[in-house]
Amino acid sequence: MKRLFDWIIERFIFLCGILAVIFVALIFLFLLREGVSFFGSYSPIKFVGGIYWYPTSDPPQFGIISLIVGSLFVTVLAACLAIPLGVATALFIAEIAPRWLKDVLKTVIELLAAIPSVVIGFIGMVTLVPLVRQALNLPTGLSAFSGALMLGFMALPTIVTISEDAIRTVPWSYKEGAIALGATRWQTMYRIILPAALPGILGAVMLGVGRVIGETMAVMMITGNAAHIPGSVFDPVRTMTATIAAEMGETVRGSPHYEALFAIGLVLFVITFIVNFTADTFLRKARR
């Protein structure tokens, strides 16, 4: 019975892994089927390199370079804010904070991950956007900077939780050896603990960045939804995800506009795949 039970569990785990791959492949094929037909009537170069996104004009223009730049502005800035703060917070919780404070901080951070993105977007509209507009003397607070602040806040729980788990898995003998050799507590943390936990920290960062790339509601509400190439991080922008969510319900099924939105989804899928593949490559090198 024990061998039979082990065999069933092994096959079940194998089936789950195969299903995950199949689901991803089906999603890609669905996007490919709906999106490739668009390129039969519209040049891929004009689509990816075009400046203007005017799908209802005559003739329509489906350039997404402004959407790509807006997505990159928000994602990169949010990552620059969330990664240092998230890793530093994880290091503080794992190595410095007393036990009572550690339990409180972990509970609060895990609760932050449960807040819906639409609620975070609403809070950002009511509080952050007016504050940014007044503090920086801007025409509007709806900008890439405001969106990046909120998205960085949304990515923090993922980065902190997984990074803290990775830091705690570093063997205690590493720390004892460093201290025995005369290293200070700070030297032990940034020369021994952080390099040893680097694969887990990179995984946490990629998961956090993945949430930023795929976020929709918060960026729709805070970034201004202006489909143009921004001159700075304080200009309104529109991301690819926000474009799909805002316009999909208004398009006619089978129209060029409908197919163009699926083509945007295909481009977003490819970008996400490249990010994950790059992260996996760095993780393998770090483990070696």
Protein backbone atom coordinates (compact mmCIF):
# COMPACT_ATOMS: atom_id res chain seq x y z
CA MET A 1 0.00 0.00 0.00
CA LYS A 2 2.84 2.39 0.77
CA ARG A 3 4.43 1.78 -2.64
CA LEU A 4 1.07 2.23 -4.34
CA PHE A 5 0.49 5.48 -2.47
CA ASP A 6 3.97 6.77 -3.43
CA TRP A 7 3.32 5.82 -7.07
CA ILE A 8 0.01 7.70 -7.09
CA ILE A 9 1.58 10.80 -5.54
CA GLU A 10 4.46 10.76 -8.04
CA ARG A 11 2.08 10.45 -11.00
CA PHE A 12 -0.14 13.19 -9.60
CA ILE A 13 2.81 15.59 -9.26
CA PHE A 14 3.96 14.68 -12.78
CA LEU A 15 0.46 15.33 -14.12
CA CYS A 16 0.32 18.74 -12.40
CA GLY A 17 3.63 19.71 -13.96
CA ILE A 18 2.51 18.62 -17.43
CA LEU A 19 -0.81 20.45 -17.06
CA ALA A 20 0.98 23.67 -16.12
CA VAL A 21 3.05 23.47 -19.31
CA ILE A 22 -0.04 22.64 -21.38
CA PHE A 23 -1.99 25.59 -19.97
CA VAL A 24 0.82 28.02 -20.80
CA ALA A 25 1.09 26.58 -24.31
CA LEU A 26 -2.68 26.87 -24.85
CA ILE A 27 -2.67 30.50 -23.71
CA PHE A 28 0.17 31.26 -26.13
CA LEU A 29 -1.61 29.47 -28.99
CA PHE A 30 -4.83 31.36 -28.28
CA LEU A 31 -3.03 34.70 -28.35
CA LEU A 32 -1.13 33.62 -31.46
CA ARG A 33 -4.32 32.61 -33.29
CA GLU A 34 -6.10 35.88 -32.54
CA GLY A 35 -3.08 38.15 -32.86
CA VAL A 36 -1.28 36.82 -35.94
CA SER A 37 -4.31 37.44 -38.16
CA PHE A 38 -3.88 41.14 -37.40
CA PHE A 39 -0.43 41.16 -38.98
CA GLY A 40 -1.92 39.94 -42.26
CA SER A 41 -3.40 43.40 -42.79
CA TYR A 42 -1.03 45.54 -40.71
CA SER A 43 2.77 45.62 -40.78
CA PRO A 44 4.47 44.23 -37.66
CA ILE A 45 7.13 46.95 -37.96
CA LYS A 46 4.50 49.70 -38.02
CA PHE A 47 2.72 48.01 -35.12
CA VAL A 48 5.74 47.68 -32.83
CA GLY A 49 7.51 50.85 -33.97
CA GLY A 50 4.54 53.13 -34.60
CA ILE A 51 4.22 56.19 -32.38
CA TYR A 52 0.45 56.75 -32.49
CA TRP A 53 -2.29 54.56 -31.04
CA TYR A 54 -5.50 55.84 -32.64
CA PRO A 55 -7.58 52.69 -33.25
CA THR A 56 -10.80 54.58 -34.07
CA SER A 57 -9.35 57.16 -36.47
CA ASP A 58 -9.74 56.98 -40.26
CA PRO A 59 -7.49 55.32 -41.20
CA PRO A 60 -6.76 53.67 -37.82
CA GLN A 61 -3.24 53.77 -36.43
CA PHE A 62 -2.02 50.91 -34.24
CA GLY A 63 1.46 51.94 -33.10
CA ILE A 64 2.32 50.59 -29.66
CA ILE A 65 5.77 52.05 -29.03
CA SER A 66 4.18 54.60 -26.67
CA LEU A 67 2.47 51.77 -24.76
CA ILE A 68 5.73 49.82 -24.52
CA VAL A 69 7.64 52.87 -23.30
CA GLY A 70 4.91 53.64 -20.75
CA SER A 71 5.01 50.07 -19.46
CA LEU A 72 8.81 50.19 -19.20
CA PHE A 73 8.74 53.55 -17.38
CA VAL A 74 6.33 52.27 -14.77
CA THR A 75 7.93 48.83 -14.39
CA VAL A 76 11.57 49.96 -14.15
CA LEU A 77 10.82 52.79 -11.74
CA ALA A 78 8.65 50.55 -9.55
CA ALA A 79 11.41 47.92 -9.50
CA CYS A 80 14.03 50.53 -8.55
CA LEU A 81 11.87 51.55 -5.61
CA ALA A 82 10.69 48.11 -4.48
CA ILE A 83 13.83 45.97 -4.83
CA PRO A 84 16.22 47.83 -2.46
CA LEU A 85 13.48 48.49 0.09
CA GLY A 86 12.15 44.93 -0.12
CA VAL A 87 15.54 43.23 0.26
CA ALA A 88 16.56 45.58 3.09
CA THR A 89 13.27 44.91 4.89
CA ALA A 90 13.72 41.16 4.48
CA LEU A 91 17.25 41.38 5.84
CA PHE A 92 16.05 43.42 8.81
CA ILE A 93 13.27 40.96 9.62
CA ALA A 94 15.48 37.89 9.27
CA GLU A 95 18.67 39.10 10.97
CA ILE A 96 18.12 42.22 13.09
CA ALA A 97 14.55 42.54 14.37
CA PRO A 98 13.70 41.02 17.78
CA ARG A 99 11.31 38.08 17.75
CA TRP A 100 8.20 40.05 18.81
CA LEU A 101 8.77 42.71 16.17
CA LYS A 102 9.60 40.09 13.55
CA ASP A 103 6.21 38.39 14.04
CA VAL A 104 4.37 41.71 13.84
CA LEU A 105 6.17 42.83 10.66
CA LYS A 106 5.66 39.50 8.89
CA THR A 107 1.95 39.54 9.69
CA VAL A 108 1.50 43.11 8.48
CA ILE A 109 3.43 42.47 5.24
CA GLU A 110 1.42 39.34 4.48
CA LEU A 111 -1.79 41.29 5.05
CA LEU A 112 -0.63 43.93 2.57
CA ALA A 113 -0.46 41.26 -0.14
CA ALA A 114 -4.18 40.55 0.36
CA ILE A 115 -5.30 44.10 -0.51
CA PRO A 116 -7.02 44.10 -3.95
CA SER A 117 -5.32 46.15 -6.62
CA VAL A 118 -8.45 48.21 -7.27
CA VAL A 119 -8.44 49.30 -3.62
CA ILE A 120 -4.78 50.30 -3.88
CA GLY A 121 -5.58 52.24 -7.05
CA PHE A 122 -8.47 54.02 -5.34
CA ILE A 123 -6.28 54.94 -2.36
CA GLY A 124 -3.64 56.22 -4.77
CA MET A 125 -6.16 58.41 -6.61
CA VAL A 126 -7.49 59.92 -3.39
CA THR A 127 -4.23 60.42 -1.48
CA LEU A 128 -1.08 59.95 -3.56
CA VAL A 129 -2.08 61.72 -6.78
CA PRO A 130 -3.03 65.07 -5.11
CA LEU A 131 0.07 64.85 -2.91
CA VAL A 132 2.40 64.34 -5.89
CA ARG A 133 0.73 67.16 -7.81
CA GLN A 134 1.08 69.63 -4.94
CA ALA A 135 4.53 68.57 -3.75
CA LEU A 136 6.15 68.65 -7.21
CA ASN A 137 4.00 71.48 -8.62
CA LEU A 138 2.80 69.41 -11.57
CA PRO A 139 -0.22 70.02 -13.81
CA THR A 140 -1.54 66.60 -12.83
CA GLY A 141 -0.54 63.91 -10.36
CA LEU A 142 -1.68 61.18 -12.75
CA SER A 143 1.74 60.14 -14.01
CA ALA A 144 4.19 57.30 -14.40
CA PHE A 145 5.80 58.34 -11.12
CA SER A 146 2.54 57.95 -9.17
CA GLY A 147 1.83 54.61 -10.80
CA ALA A 148 5.34 53.37 -10.06
CA LEU A 149 5.01 54.31 -6.38
CA MET A 150 1.81 52.31 -6.00
CA LEU A 151 3.12 49.36 -8.02
CA GLY A 152 6.31 49.32 -5.98
CA PHE A 153 4.14 49.19 -2.88
CA MET A 154 2.20 46.27 -4.38
CA ALA A 155 5.38 44.34 -5.22
CA LEU A 156 6.90 44.77 -1.74
CA PRO A 157 5.01 41.93 0.06
CA THR A 158 6.13 39.37 -2.53
CA ILE A 159 9.76 40.51 -2.50
CA VAL A 160 9.96 40.78 1.30
CA THR A 161 8.28 37.45 2.09
CA ILE A 162 10.23 35.28 -0.35
CA SER A 163 13.55 37.07 0.26
CA GLU A 164 13.13 36.66 4.02
CA ASP A 165 12.53 32.93 3.58
CA ALA A 166 15.64 32.67 1.39
CA ILE A 167 17.77 34.53 3.95
CA ARG A 168 16.54 32.31 6.78
CA THR A 169 17.54 29.16 4.87
CA VAL A 170 21.22 30.19 4.84
CA PRO A 171 23.02 27.66 7.11
CA TRP A 172 23.91 28.98 10.53
CA SER A 173 27.45 27.61 10.10
CA TYR A 174 28.11 30.30 7.46
CA LYS A 175 27.35 33.03 9.99
CA GLU A 176 29.33 31.35 12.76
CA GLY A 177 32.35 30.96 10.49
CA ALA A 178 32.28 34.61 9.42
CA ILE A 179 31.96 35.86 13.00
CA ALA A 180 34.74 33.50 14.14
CA LEU A 181 37.03 35.02 11.51
CA GLY A 182 36.43 38.49 12.94
CA ALA A 183 33.72 39.80 10.60
CA THR A 184 31.26 42.28 12.01
CA ARG A 185 27.54 41.67 11.93
CA TRP A 186 27.11 43.98 8.96
CA GLN A 187 30.00 42.38 7.06
CA THR A 188 28.48 38.96 7.69
CA MET A 189 25.13 40.09 6.29
CA TYR A 190 26.29 41.68 3.04
CA ARG A 191 29.31 39.44 2.31
CA ILE A 192 28.06 36.06 3.45
CA ILE A 193 24.29 35.95 3.94
CA LEU A 194 23.19 37.97 0.90
CA PRO A 195 25.40 36.10 -1.62
CA ALA A 196 24.31 32.75 -0.18
CA ALA A 197 20.63 33.73 -0.42
CA LEU A 198 21.01 35.36 -3.85
CA PRO A 199 19.12 32.71 -5.89
CA GLY A 200 16.07 32.99 -3.66
CA ILE A 201 16.28 36.79 -3.63
CA LEU A 202 16.47 36.90 -7.43
CA GLY A 203 13.42 34.66 -7.61
CA ALA A 204 11.57 37.00 -5.26
CA VAL A 205 12.55 40.01 -7.34
CA MET A 206 11.35 38.37 -10.55
CA LEU A 207 8.01 37.46 -8.99
CA GLY A 208 7.61 41.02 -7.75
CA VAL A 209 8.52 42.49 -11.13
CA GLY A 210 6.15 40.02 -12.79
CA ARG A 211 3.29 41.37 -10.72
CA VAL A 212 4.23 44.91 -11.70
CA ILE A 213 4.30 44.05 -15.42
CA GLY A 214 0.92 42.33 -15.32
CA GLU A 215 -0.90 44.81 -13.08
CA THR A 216 -3.92 46.46 -14.68
CA MET A 217 -6.41 48.21 -12.39
CA ALA A 218 -3.96 50.33 -10.40
CA VAL A 219 -2.16 51.66 -13.48
CA MET A 220 -5.47 52.40 -15.21
CA MET A 221 -6.54 54.57 -12.29
CA ILE A 222 -3.27 56.38 -11.51
CA THR A 223 -1.07 56.76 -14.59
CA GLY A 224 -3.35 59.06 -16.60
CA ASN A 225 -3.94 56.71 -19.59
CA ALA A 226 -2.32 59.02 -22.14
CA ALA A 227 -1.10 57.05 -25.17
CA HIS A 228 2.01 59.10 -26.00
CA ILE A 229 5.74 58.79 -25.45
CA PRO A 230 6.46 60.49 -22.10
CA GLY A 231 9.17 63.07 -21.81
CA SER A 232 9.80 62.29 -18.14
CA VAL A 233 8.50 60.07 -15.35
CA PHE A 234 6.14 62.87 -14.30
CA ASP A 235 4.12 62.72 -17.53
CA PRO A 236 0.92 60.68 -17.92
CA VAL A 237 1.44 57.30 -19.62
CA ARG A 238 -0.58 54.31 -20.73
CA THR A 239 0.58 50.73 -20.31
CA MET A 240 -0.17 47.72 -22.50
CA THR A 241 -2.23 45.98 -19.85
CA ALA A 242 -4.34 49.09 -19.21
CA THR A 243 -4.99 49.45 -22.95
CA ILE A 244 -6.28 45.89 -23.24
CA ALA A 245 -8.50 46.22 -20.17
CA ALA A 246 -9.89 49.63 -21.14
CA GLU A 247 -10.66 48.91 -24.79
CA MET A 248 -11.52 45.23 -25.04
CA GLY A 249 -15.12 45.75 -23.97
CA GLU A 250 -15.67 48.46 -26.60
CA THR A 251 -14.39 46.64 -29.68
CA VAL A 252 -16.30 44.60 -32.25
CA ARG A 253 -15.30 40.95 -32.25
CA GLY A 254 -13.19 40.17 -35.32
CA SER A 255 -12.45 43.83 -36.12
CA PRO A 256 -8.87 45.10 -36.65
CA HIS A 257 -9.06 46.87 -33.30
CA TYR A 258 -10.06 43.60 -31.59
CA GLU A 259 -7.20 41.73 -33.25
CA ALA A 260 -4.75 44.54 -32.39
CA LEU A 261 -5.53 44.14 -28.68
CA PHE A 262 -4.70 40.44 -28.92
CA ALA A 263 -1.49 41.37 -30.72
CA ILE A 264 -0.63 43.61 -27.74
CA GLY A 265 -1.27 40.63 -25.47
CA LEU A 266 1.07 38.56 -27.64
CA VAL A 267 3.82 41.20 -27.35
CA LEU A 268 3.29 41.36 -23.59
CA PHE A 269 3.52 37.56 -23.39
CA VAL A 270 6.83 37.60 -25.28
CA ILE A 271 8.24 40.35 -23.04
CA THR A 272 7.23 38.40 -19.91
CA PHE A 273 8.81 35.25 -21.33
CA ILE A 274 12.08 37.09 -22.01
CA VAL A 275 12.12 38.50 -18.46
CA ASN A 276 11.48 35.08 -16.92
CA PHE A 277 14.04 33.37 -19.17
CA THR A 278 16.67 35.98 -18.24
CA ALA A 279 15.87 35.54 -14.55
CA ASP A 280 16.14 31.77 -14.85
CA THR A 281 19.54 32.12 -16.54
CA PHE A 282 20.83 34.33 -13.72
CA LEU A 283 19.44 31.92 -11.12
CA ARG A 284 21.29 28.99 -12.67
CA LYS A 285 24.54 30.95 -12.75
CA ALA A 286 24.05 32.03 -9.14
CA ARG A 287 23.47 28.45 -8.00
CA ARG A 288 26.67 27.34 -9.69
